[in-house]
Protein backbone atom coordinates (compact mmCIF):
# COMPACT_ATOMS: atom_id res chain seq x y z
CA MET A 1 26.81 -4.46 -13.84
CA LYS A 2 28.09 -7.86 -14.85
CA PHE A 3 25.94 -10.89 -15.63
CA ASP A 4 27.57 -14.34 -15.69
CA LEU A 5 25.02 -17.06 -16.46
CA GLN A 6 25.65 -20.77 -16.67
CA CYS A 7 22.54 -22.52 -17.96
CA SER A 8 21.52 -25.66 -19.82
CA ILE A 9 18.92 -26.60 -22.40
CA GLN A 10 17.28 -30.00 -22.02
CA LEU A 11 16.83 -31.92 -25.29
CA SER A 12 14.37 -34.70 -26.02
CA LYS A 13 17.20 -37.13 -26.84
CA LYS A 14 20.96 -37.38 -27.15
CA ALA A 15 22.51 -35.22 -29.86
CA ASP A 16 26.27 -35.80 -29.57
CA GLU A 17 26.48 -36.46 -33.31
CA LEU A 18 25.37 -32.87 -34.04
CA LYS A 19 28.38 -31.18 -32.41
CA GLU A 20 30.00 -30.14 -35.68
CA GLU A 21 26.73 -28.90 -37.20
CA LEU A 22 25.97 -27.02 -34.00
CA GLU A 23 29.39 -25.36 -34.05
CA ALA A 24 28.86 -24.21 -37.64
CA PHE A 25 25.37 -22.93 -36.76
CA ILE A 26 26.68 -20.90 -33.84
CA LYS A 27 29.52 -19.39 -35.86
CA GLY A 28 27.09 -18.40 -38.59
CA GLU A 29 24.72 -16.53 -36.28
CA GLU A 30 25.73 -13.01 -35.18
CA LEU A 31 23.38 -13.33 -32.21
CA PHE A 32 25.74 -15.84 -30.57
CA SER A 33 28.69 -13.42 -30.47
CA SER A 34 28.17 -12.91 -26.72
CA LEU A 35 28.27 -16.65 -26.01
CA GLU A 36 31.30 -17.21 -23.76
CA SER A 37 31.31 -21.00 -24.09
CA TYR A 38 29.08 -23.98 -24.87
CA GLU A 39 29.18 -27.76 -24.67
CA LEU A 40 26.80 -30.36 -26.08
CA LYS A 41 26.81 -33.38 -23.80
CA ALA A 42 24.33 -36.21 -24.41
CA ASP A 43 20.84 -34.66 -24.16
CA ARG A 44 21.93 -31.31 -22.69
CA LEU A 45 23.42 -28.18 -24.21
CA HIS A 46 25.43 -26.27 -21.59
CA LEU A 47 25.92 -22.53 -22.12
CA ARG A 48 27.85 -19.76 -20.42
CA ILE A 49 26.75 -16.23 -21.24
CA VAL A 50 28.75 -13.32 -19.83
CA SER A 51 27.72 -9.72 -20.41
CA ASP A 52 28.30 -6.30 -18.89
CA VAL A 53 25.81 -4.56 -21.17
CA LYS A 54 22.74 -6.70 -21.75
CA ARG A 55 21.29 -9.03 -19.14
CA SER A 56 22.45 -12.60 -19.66
CA HIS A 57 19.05 -14.08 -18.78
CA GLU A 58 17.41 -12.05 -21.55
CA ILE A 59 20.09 -13.16 -24.00
CA ALA A 60 19.57 -16.78 -22.90
CA LEU A 61 15.89 -16.70 -23.84
CA ARG A 62 16.75 -15.41 -27.32
CA PHE A 63 19.36 -18.18 -27.64
CA TYR A 64 16.79 -20.73 -26.52
CA LYS A 65 14.45 -19.76 -29.35
CA LYS A 66 17.24 -20.05 -31.94
CA PHE A 67 18.38 -23.44 -30.61
CA ALA A 68 14.79 -24.69 -30.69
CA GLN A 69 14.71 -23.90 -34.41
CA PHE A 70 18.06 -25.62 -35.03
CA PHE A 71 17.26 -28.83 -33.15
CA GLY A 72 13.70 -28.85 -34.46
CA LYS A 73 15.04 -29.25 -37.98
CA LYS A 74 16.91 -32.31 -36.72
CA LYS A 75 13.71 -33.79 -35.23
CA ILE A 76 14.94 -33.15 -31.70
CA GLY A 77 12.73 -31.26 -29.27
CA VAL A 78 13.84 -28.79 -26.58
CA ARG A 79 12.34 -29.43 -23.15
CA GLY A 80 13.21 -26.28 -21.28
CA ILE A 81 16.05 -24.08 -20.11
CA HIS A 82 17.54 -24.30 -16.62
CA ILE A 83 19.70 -21.93 -14.55
CA ASP A 84 22.68 -23.87 -13.21
CA ARG A 85 24.47 -20.87 -11.74
CA TYR A 86 23.89 -17.16 -12.24
CA HIS A 87 26.32 -14.65 -10.73
CA ILE A 88 25.36 -10.97 -10.92
CA SER A 89 27.41 -8.09 -9.58
CA PHE A 90 26.47 -4.42 -9.45
CA GLU A 91 27.32 -1.21 -7.65
CA ALA A 92 24.94 0.20 -5.06
CA GLU A 93 24.58 3.94 -4.61
CA ARG A 94 25.70 3.66 -1.00
CA GLN A 95 27.34 1.08 1.21
CA PRO A 96 24.95 -1.17 3.18
CA LYS A 97 24.97 -0.66 6.93
CA LYS A 98 24.31 -4.35 7.57
CA ALA A 99 23.93 -7.67 5.76
CA VAL A 100 21.39 -7.84 2.94
CA SER A 101 19.40 -10.96 2.06
CA ILE A 102 16.97 -11.82 -0.73
CA PRO A 103 14.91 -14.94 -1.53
CA PHE A 104 16.29 -17.30 -4.22
CA ALA A 105 19.89 -16.07 -3.97
CA GLU A 106 23.01 -15.70 -1.85
CA VAL A 107 24.13 -12.09 -1.46
CA THR A 108 27.62 -10.87 -0.60
CA VAL A 109 28.71 -7.28 -0.01
CA ASP A 110 32.12 -5.66 -0.54
CA GLY A 111 31.77 -1.95 0.11
CA THR A 112 29.26 -0.77 -2.47
CA LEU A 113 29.82 -3.82 -4.71
CA ILE A 114 26.92 -6.25 -4.40
CA ALA A 115 27.14 -9.84 -5.68
CA MET A 116 24.10 -12.06 -6.06
CA THR A 117 24.36 -15.79 -6.87
CA ILE A 118 21.37 -17.84 -8.00
CA THR A 119 21.53 -21.61 -8.46
CA ASP A 120 19.27 -24.40 -9.68
CA LYS A 121 16.23 -22.50 -11.00
CA GLY A 122 13.81 -23.39 -13.79
CA GLU A 123 12.62 -21.69 -16.96
CA GLU A 124 9.83 -19.72 -15.24
CA PHE A 125 12.47 -17.90 -13.20
CA LEU A 126 13.94 -16.54 -16.41
CA ARG A 127 10.69 -15.77 -18.18
CA GLN A 128 9.06 -13.99 -15.21
CA ASN A 129 12.01 -11.60 -14.95
CA TYR A 130 12.55 -12.29 -11.26
CA VAL A 131 16.20 -11.27 -11.60
CA ASP A 132 15.56 -7.58 -12.32
CA ARG A 133 13.06 -7.40 -9.46
CA MET A 134 15.60 -8.98 -7.10
CA ILE A 135 18.22 -6.40 -8.05
CA ARG A 136 15.71 -3.59 -7.55
CA ARG A 137 14.66 -5.04 -4.18
CA ILE A 138 18.25 -5.20 -2.94
CA ARG A 139 18.73 -1.54 -3.86
CA GLU A 140 15.50 -0.69 -1.99
CA LYS A 141 16.69 -2.55 1.12
CA ILE A 142 20.00 -0.71 1.13
CA ASP A 143 18.22 2.63 0.76
CA MET A 144 15.84 1.70 3.58
CA GLN A 145 18.81 1.02 5.89
CA HIS A 146 19.90 4.63 5.38
CA TYR A 147 16.39 5.99 6.01
CA GLU A 148 15.59 3.91 9.10
CA GLY A 149 14.71 6.17 12.01
CA LYS A 150 14.45 9.29 9.89
CA LYS A 151 11.40 11.46 10.29
CA GLU A 152 9.21 12.40 7.40
CA TYR A 153 9.78 15.67 5.61
CA TRP A 154 7.48 18.24 7.26
CA ARG A 155 7.10 21.98 6.71
CA ALA A 156 4.42 24.17 8.30
CA ILE A 157 2.54 26.38 5.82
CA TRP A 158 -0.24 27.90 7.96
CA GLN A 159 -1.37 27.98 11.59
CA SER A 160 -4.50 29.32 13.25
CA GLU A 161 -4.49 31.68 16.20
CA GLU A 162 -4.07 30.15 19.63
CA LYS A 163 -7.33 29.24 21.34
CA GLU A 164 -7.81 28.56 25.02
CA PRO A 165 -9.00 24.96 25.61
CA VAL A 166 -11.77 24.34 28.14
CA TRP A 167 -9.84 21.47 29.76
CA ASN A 168 -6.69 19.34 29.44
CA LYS A 169 -8.10 15.84 29.86
CA ASP A 170 -7.79 12.82 27.58
CA PRO A 171 -11.14 12.49 25.74
CA SER A 172 -10.87 8.72 25.34
CA GLU A 173 -10.31 8.15 29.04
CA GLU A 174 -13.11 10.54 30.02
CA MET A 175 -15.56 8.98 27.56
CA GLN A 176 -14.79 5.55 29.02
CA ARG A 177 -15.44 6.86 32.53
CA ALA A 178 -18.74 8.33 31.36
CA GLY A 179 -19.64 5.08 29.62
CA TRP A 180 -19.80 6.68 26.17
CA ILE A 181 -17.37 4.14 24.66
CA THR A 182 -16.46 0.54 25.50
CA LEU A 183 -13.50 -1.43 24.18
CA LEU A 184 -14.55 -4.60 22.34
CA GLY A 185 -11.30 -6.34 21.48
CA LYS A 186 -7.95 -4.90 20.50
CA GLY A 187 -8.31 -1.38 19.14
CA LYS A 188 -12.03 -1.77 18.41
CA TRP A 189 -14.63 0.37 20.16
CA PHE A 190 -18.37 0.30 20.75
CA TYR A 191 -19.93 3.79 20.65
CA PHE A 192 -22.98 4.37 22.87
CA PRO A 193 -25.52 7.07 21.84
CA PRO A 194 -23.60 10.20 22.96
CA ALA A 195 -20.38 9.14 21.21
CA ALA A 196 -22.28 7.83 18.19
CA ALA A 197 -24.13 11.17 17.93
CA LEU A 198 -20.79 12.99 17.87
CA MET A 199 -19.45 10.68 15.18
CA ARG A 200 -22.55 11.14 13.05
CA ALA A 201 -22.35 14.90 13.54
CA MET A 202 -18.79 14.82 12.19
CA GLU A 203 -20.01 12.78 9.23
CA ARG A 204 -22.83 15.23 8.49
CA ILE A 205 -20.44 18.17 8.69
CA ALA A 206 -18.01 16.48 6.31
CA PHE A 207 -20.74 15.67 3.82
CA GLN A 208 -22.68 18.92 3.98
CA GLU A 209 -19.72 21.28 4.24
CA VAL A 210 -17.03 19.55 2.15
CA VAL A 211 -18.21 16.61 0.04
CA MET A 212 -21.52 17.84 -1.39
CA PRO A 213 -20.55 21.48 -2.12
CA LEU A 214 -17.65 20.23 -4.25
CA GLY A 215 -19.82 17.83 -6.24
CA PHE A 216 -18.62 14.41 -5.08
CA LYS A 217 -20.89 11.44 -5.86
CA GLU A 218 -21.30 8.61 -3.37
CA VAL A 219 -20.32 5.00 -4.09
CA ILE A 220 -20.60 1.86 -1.94
CA GLU A 221 -17.81 -0.70 -1.97
CA PRO A 222 -17.01 -4.07 -0.36
CA MET A 223 -14.82 -4.31 2.72
CA HIS A 224 -12.71 -7.12 1.23
CA VAL A 225 -9.73 -6.11 -0.92
CA SER A 226 -7.98 -8.65 -3.17
CA PHE A 227 -4.23 -9.23 -3.15
CA ASP A 228 -4.16 -8.32 -6.87
CA THR A 229 -5.51 -4.87 -6.01
CA TRP A 230 -3.00 -4.31 -3.23
CA ILE A 231 -0.12 -5.46 -5.43
CA LYS A 232 -1.04 -2.73 -7.91
CA THR A 233 -1.38 -0.02 -5.27
CA GLY A 234 1.73 -1.13 -3.37
CA HIS A 235 -0.04 -1.71 -0.05
CA LEU A 236 0.82 -5.42 0.11
CA GLU A 237 4.55 -4.80 -0.22
CA GLY A 238 4.48 -1.53 1.72
CA MET A 239 2.67 -2.57 4.89
CA PRO A 240 2.02 -6.35 4.95
CA GLY A 241 2.36 -6.36 8.74
CA GLU A 242 -0.55 -3.91 9.16
CA ILE A 243 -3.20 -5.81 7.17
CA TYR A 244 -5.98 -7.96 8.59
CA TYR A 245 -6.12 -10.98 6.28
CA ILE A 246 -9.25 -12.92 5.31
CA SER A 247 -9.45 -16.70 5.02
CA GLU A 248 -12.46 -18.44 3.49
CA PRO A 249 -13.66 -21.83 4.78
CA LYS A 250 -12.55 -24.76 2.63
CA ASN A 251 -16.19 -25.83 2.60
CA ARG A 252 -19.34 -25.61 4.72
CA GLU A 253 -20.11 -29.33 5.06
CA ALA A 254 -21.04 -30.19 8.65
CA GLU A 255 -19.00 -33.40 8.70
CA GLU A 256 -15.83 -31.50 7.76
CA TRP A 257 -16.33 -29.20 10.75
CA GLU A 258 -17.47 -31.93 13.13
CA ARG A 259 -14.18 -32.33 15.00
CA PHE A 260 -13.79 -28.56 15.35
CA VAL A 261 -17.28 -28.33 16.89
CA ASP A 262 -16.63 -31.35 19.14
CA LEU A 263 -13.48 -29.75 20.54
CA LEU A 264 -15.25 -26.40 20.95
CA LYS A 265 -18.12 -27.91 22.92
CA ILE A 266 -15.78 -29.92 25.12
CA GLN A 267 -13.00 -27.40 25.71
CA ARG A 268 -15.12 -24.19 25.47
CA GLU A 269 -12.32 -22.53 23.50
CA VAL A 270 -11.21 -22.53 19.87
CA ASP A 271 -8.69 -25.15 18.88
CA GLU A 272 -6.62 -23.05 16.48
CA THR A 273 -4.86 -26.00 14.85
CA GLU A 274 -8.16 -27.65 14.01
CA LEU A 275 -9.61 -24.37 12.76
CA LEU A 276 -6.70 -23.76 10.37
CA LYS A 277 -7.22 -27.21 8.84
CA ASN A 278 -10.60 -26.00 7.60
CA LEU A 279 -9.51 -22.63 6.18
CA LYS A 280 -8.15 -21.70 2.76
CA PRO A 281 -4.99 -19.56 2.55
CA PRO A 282 -5.86 -15.83 2.45
CA LYS A 283 -6.32 -14.19 -0.95
CA ALA A 284 -7.73 -10.91 0.35
CA GLY A 285 -7.79 -8.65 3.37
CA VAL A 286 -10.05 -6.25 5.23
CA CYS A 287 -10.17 -2.70 3.88
CA TYR A 288 -7.00 -0.78 4.81
CA ALA A 289 -8.12 2.34 2.92
CA GLN A 290 -11.11 2.72 0.63
CA CYS A 291 -9.33 4.08 -2.44
CA PRO A 292 -7.83 0.78 -3.75
CA ASN A 293 -11.25 -0.76 -4.41
CA ILE A 294 -12.39 2.43 -6.10
CA TYR A 295 -9.43 2.25 -8.47
CA THR A 296 -10.14 -1.43 -9.10
CA ALA A 297 -13.74 -0.64 -10.04
CA LEU A 298 -12.41 1.87 -12.60
CA ALA A 299 -9.66 -0.42 -13.97
CA GLY A 300 -9.46 -0.45 -17.75
CA LYS A 301 -12.10 2.25 -18.19
CA THR A 302 -11.82 5.34 -20.38
CA ILE A 303 -13.43 8.33 -18.67
CA ALA A 304 -15.22 10.76 -20.97
CA LYS A 305 -13.85 14.30 -20.94
CA ALA A 306 -17.27 15.54 -19.87
CA SER A 307 -17.04 13.46 -16.66
CA LEU A 308 -13.71 14.96 -15.58
CA PRO A 309 -12.75 15.54 -12.93
CA LEU A 310 -14.32 12.32 -11.64
CA LEU A 311 -15.26 12.91 -7.99
CA LEU A 312 -16.23 9.87 -5.90
CA VAL A 313 -16.76 9.35 -2.17
CA ASP A 314 -17.25 6.27 0.03
CA ARG A 315 -18.42 6.26 3.66
CA SER A 316 -19.74 2.69 3.84
CA THR A 317 -16.60 0.78 4.75
CA PRO A 318 -14.70 0.78 8.07
CA SER A 319 -10.92 0.47 7.78
CA ASP A 320 -8.84 -2.03 9.76
CA ARG A 321 -5.12 -1.74 10.47
CA TYR A 322 -3.06 -3.81 12.86
CA GLU A 323 -1.48 -1.17 15.11
CA ALA A 324 0.26 -3.47 17.60
CA GLY A 325 1.72 -1.29 20.38
CA GLY A 326 0.80 2.02 18.79
CA LYS A 327 -2.84 2.11 19.92
CA HIS A 328 -4.24 4.88 22.09
CA GLY A 329 -7.88 5.57 22.86
CA ILE A 330 -9.98 6.26 19.77
CA GLU A 331 -7.33 8.29 17.97
CA ARG A 332 -5.06 5.37 17.08
CA VAL A 333 -7.09 2.20 16.70
CA ASP A 334 -7.25 -1.05 14.76
CA GLU A 335 -10.68 -0.24 13.32
CA PHE A 336 -11.81 3.25 12.42
CA HIS A 337 -14.44 5.02 10.38
CA ARG A 338 -13.74 7.55 7.70
CA ILE A 339 -15.01 9.17 4.56
CA GLU A 340 -12.70 8.64 1.58
CA ILE A 341 -12.91 10.99 -1.36
CA VAL A 342 -11.11 10.10 -4.60
CA TYR A 343 -10.56 12.48 -7.48
CA ILE A 344 -9.30 11.77 -11.00
CA GLY A 345 -8.63 14.44 -13.60
CA THR A 346 -6.00 16.50 -15.36
CA ARG A 347 -3.15 18.12 -13.47
CA ASP A 348 -4.80 21.54 -13.72
CA GLN A 349 -8.16 20.18 -12.56
CA LEU A 350 -6.56 18.63 -9.48
CA LEU A 351 -4.71 21.84 -8.70
CA GLN A 352 -8.02 23.72 -8.66
CA LEU A 353 -9.68 20.98 -6.61
CA LYS A 354 -6.87 20.98 -4.05
CA GLU A 355 -7.37 24.68 -3.45
CA LYS A 356 -11.12 24.21 -3.05
CA LEU A 357 -10.61 21.33 -0.60
CA VAL A 358 -8.24 23.42 1.50
CA GLU A 359 -10.83 26.19 1.73
CA ARG A 360 -13.67 23.81 2.67
CA TYR A 361 -11.59 22.15 5.41
CA ARG A 362 -10.49 25.57 6.64
CA HIS A 363 -14.17 26.56 6.88
CA VAL A 364 -14.97 23.43 8.94
CA PHE A 365 -12.04 23.70 11.35
CA GLU A 366 -12.32 27.48 11.80
CA ASN A 367 -16.04 28.26 11.66
CA ILE A 368 -17.76 25.08 12.82
CA LEU A 369 -15.37 23.14 15.08
CA ASP A 370 -13.45 26.29 16.16
CA LEU A 371 -10.17 24.36 16.50
CA GLU A 372 -6.61 25.44 17.02
CA TRP A 373 -5.04 23.78 13.98
CA ARG A 374 -2.33 24.04 11.34
CA MET A 375 -1.37 22.85 7.86
CA ALA A 376 1.93 21.36 6.69
CA THR A 377 3.37 19.94 3.50
CA VAL A 378 4.55 16.40 4.09
CA THR A 379 6.66 13.83 2.27
CA PRO A 380 6.99 10.63 4.35
CA PHE A 381 10.50 9.14 4.51
CA TYR A 382 9.55 6.18 2.31
CA LEU A 383 8.49 8.58 -0.46
CA GLN A 384 11.67 10.62 -0.03
CA GLN A 385 13.57 7.37 -0.48
CA ALA A 386 11.64 6.73 -3.69
CA GLY A 387 12.69 10.12 -5.04
CA ILE A 388 9.30 11.86 -4.75
CA ALA A 389 9.93 15.47 -3.88
CA GLY A 390 8.06 17.53 -1.34
CA MET A 391 5.20 19.73 -2.45
CA GLU A 392 7.41 22.80 -2.57
CA GLU A 393 8.76 21.45 -5.86
CA ASP A 394 5.36 20.77 -7.46
CA ALA A 395 2.22 22.84 -7.16
CA VAL A 396 0.05 19.76 -7.35
CA LYS A 397 1.70 16.48 -6.41
CA GLY A 398 2.24 15.66 -2.74
CA THR A 399 0.43 15.76 0.59
CA ILE A 400 -0.98 18.44 2.86
CA ASP A 401 -1.55 17.40 6.46
CA PHE A 402 -4.04 19.14 8.75
CA GLU A 403 -3.15 18.87 12.43
CA ALA A 404 -4.89 19.85 15.67
CA TRP A 405 -3.33 20.60 19.05
CA LEU A 406 -4.11 18.11 21.82
CA PRO A 407 -3.92 20.04 25.11
CA TYR A 408 -3.99 16.89 27.28
CA ARG A 409 -0.71 15.72 25.78
CA GLY A 410 1.26 18.87 26.58
CA ASP A 411 2.44 22.16 25.12
CA ARG A 412 2.02 23.44 21.59
CA SER A 413 5.62 22.82 20.58
CA ARG A 414 5.04 19.17 19.67
CA GLU A 415 1.66 17.72 20.75
CA TRP A 416 -0.31 17.79 17.51
CA LEU A 417 -2.47 15.11 15.90
CA GLU A 418 -2.92 14.66 12.17
CA ILE A 419 -6.68 14.84 11.62
CA GLN A 420 -6.91 15.22 7.86
CA ASN A 421 -4.89 15.18 4.66
CA ILE A 422 -5.10 15.94 0.97
CA SER A 423 -2.91 13.82 -1.33
CA ILE A 424 -2.26 13.93 -5.05
CA VAL A 425 -0.14 11.07 -6.38
CA GLY A 426 0.22 11.93 -10.06
CA ASP A 427 -0.36 9.06 -12.48
CA LYS A 428 0.78 6.31 -10.08
CA TYR A 429 -2.65 4.66 -9.78
CA THR A 430 -4.23 5.69 -13.09
CA ARG A 431 -1.29 4.00 -14.82
CA ALA A 432 -1.33 0.94 -12.55
CA PHE A 433 -5.06 0.37 -13.18
CA THR A 434 -5.04 1.57 -16.83
CA ILE A 435 -7.56 4.36 -16.25
CA LYS A 436 -7.61 6.66 -19.27
CA THR A 437 -9.44 9.55 -20.86
CA GLN A 438 -10.00 10.59 -24.46
CA ARG A 439 -6.89 12.73 -24.64
CA GLY A 440 -3.98 13.45 -22.34
CA ASP A 441 -2.87 11.95 -19.03
CA LEU A 442 -4.93 11.49 -15.89
CA TRP A 443 -3.76 12.12 -12.36
CA SER A 444 -5.50 11.11 -9.16
CA GLY A 445 -5.53 11.67 -5.45
CA CYS A 446 -7.53 11.12 -2.29
CA SER A 447 -8.47 12.73 1.00
CA GLY A 448 -9.47 10.61 3.98
CA ILE A 449 -11.71 12.18 6.62
CA GLY A 450 -11.13 10.24 9.84
CA LEU A 451 -14.22 10.66 12.01
CA GLU A 452 -12.51 9.43 15.18
CA ARG A 453 -9.65 11.88 14.63
CA TRP A 454 -12.04 14.80 14.13
CA MET A 455 -13.91 13.80 17.29
CA VAL A 456 -10.75 13.47 19.41
CA ALA A 457 -9.42 16.85 18.25
CA PHE A 458 -12.75 18.52 18.99
CA LEU A 459 -13.26 16.98 22.45
CA ALA A 460 -9.60 17.54 23.42
CA GLN A 461 -10.10 21.29 22.99
CA LYS A 462 -13.82 21.75 23.70
CA GLY A 463 -14.56 19.12 26.34
CA MET A 464 -17.57 16.82 26.72
CA ASP A 465 -20.05 19.38 28.05
CA PRO A 466 -22.28 20.61 25.16
CA GLU A 467 -22.49 24.01 26.88
CA HIS A 468 -18.87 24.61 25.85
CA TRP A 469 -19.37 23.61 22.23
CA PRO A 470 -19.51 26.23 19.44
CA ASP A 471 -23.02 27.21 18.35
CA GLU A 472 -22.30 26.26 14.73
CA PHE A 473 -21.32 22.75 15.80
CA ARG A 474 -24.30 22.25 18.11
CA LYS A 475 -26.62 22.67 15.12
CA TYR A 476 -25.32 19.32 13.87
CA VAL A 477 -25.70 17.42 17.12
CA GLU A 478 -28.95 18.64 18.71
CA PRO A 479 -30.83 17.15 20.38
CA PHE A 480 -27.83 15.50 22.08
CA PRO A 481 -28.79 12.03 23.44
CA ASP A 482 -28.38 10.98 27.06
CA MET A 483 -26.62 7.81 28.13
CA PRO A 484 -28.88 4.85 28.94
CA GLU A 485 -29.19 4.07 32.67
CA PHE A 486 -27.66 0.74 33.71
CA LEU A 487 -28.48 -0.83 37.10
């Protein structure tokens, strides 16, 4: 890497008469040995710092402090440091497949040699270390070009026996025909009593057969998640196009909303331009997954050894994700309901918990829902890109997916739906949120129980007629409600 920085320090007044003293000062300080050139002109000191070892912007800030001391003795103040031109070149691990761009800089590519030029930036740009993040982001973008279109790492580890389905129809379509569900907006469903009873049955099974036997304690959290939280978890940079954002009103004074209401009453539709005038920019979004707010609630806390592993569960908060063209029925929606369990403990504690979770889910899918299902170890492509190995290389860290066959989609060779997972992410979140214990490191993980997914998998194999449902499942749903009659 090579860093070539041309910058200038603004002085409170002209200092041309100090050129000789400044030259002697610079020669007498070992720190300035990496200074390529300098020029004192009126009330500005122009510097050029070239380095292929240390970063020139870090060197510049150390220089700035020394120059402040020198000029201060001469009753001259320093008013800030400014980037005039900063040229950075570095080798990428692989050649970009297409042009790469980044905010605040021009980027050129010559094979694997990347050059980044920044001009006309203030002191904050140096102090906030934007430069290192820009370099890292360019490397990420190049890596992403090589992973685009690749499938996630997937390896089957167990599969149940084949089970004959009672039908091969799409449960979402059949429930709509029967009136059990009604679409209310994009990817958002209303569940009438029969469908709601099925959803609640799935919830009771999850709680009574998985959550409670393992000792999880329930929490209740808000549905709004701050940007600060998502920055720490990585959601805001990882999937900004999937988040539903929240804007607060600028105020609630009637006169400020008068024109909006006038237009609404006259036009009988929302004037979006007028509405936006009365809204603040978003600073939060609707829950994407429940675990970020749980981590935020624990931020900065030291968990007593006696409370480990810490086992928490939330079922109060629906999740919203903008799915665009990927929606289908109730299995891929914009709003869904799930139970999120979060666990924090030592590596060995999480290994034991993972094994217990696998057994509890196996009990549910085999003995209660009677599904044809399978398990696989999974590392999504974006985690492969980040260098996180699959679970075959670590007995704890990684993800197990639980999948069910959907007969209405086709044969068993490919038509499976992920209905459940168990993830352990090491110290990624405990470190990000400074969650500690009395001694040693803490790891964490989560397991999201998607109620819609469980219901789709069950109905796809067992149908909508309760007579075909397993006896162990019917215990959780009886008496099964009828649909209201509509004239």
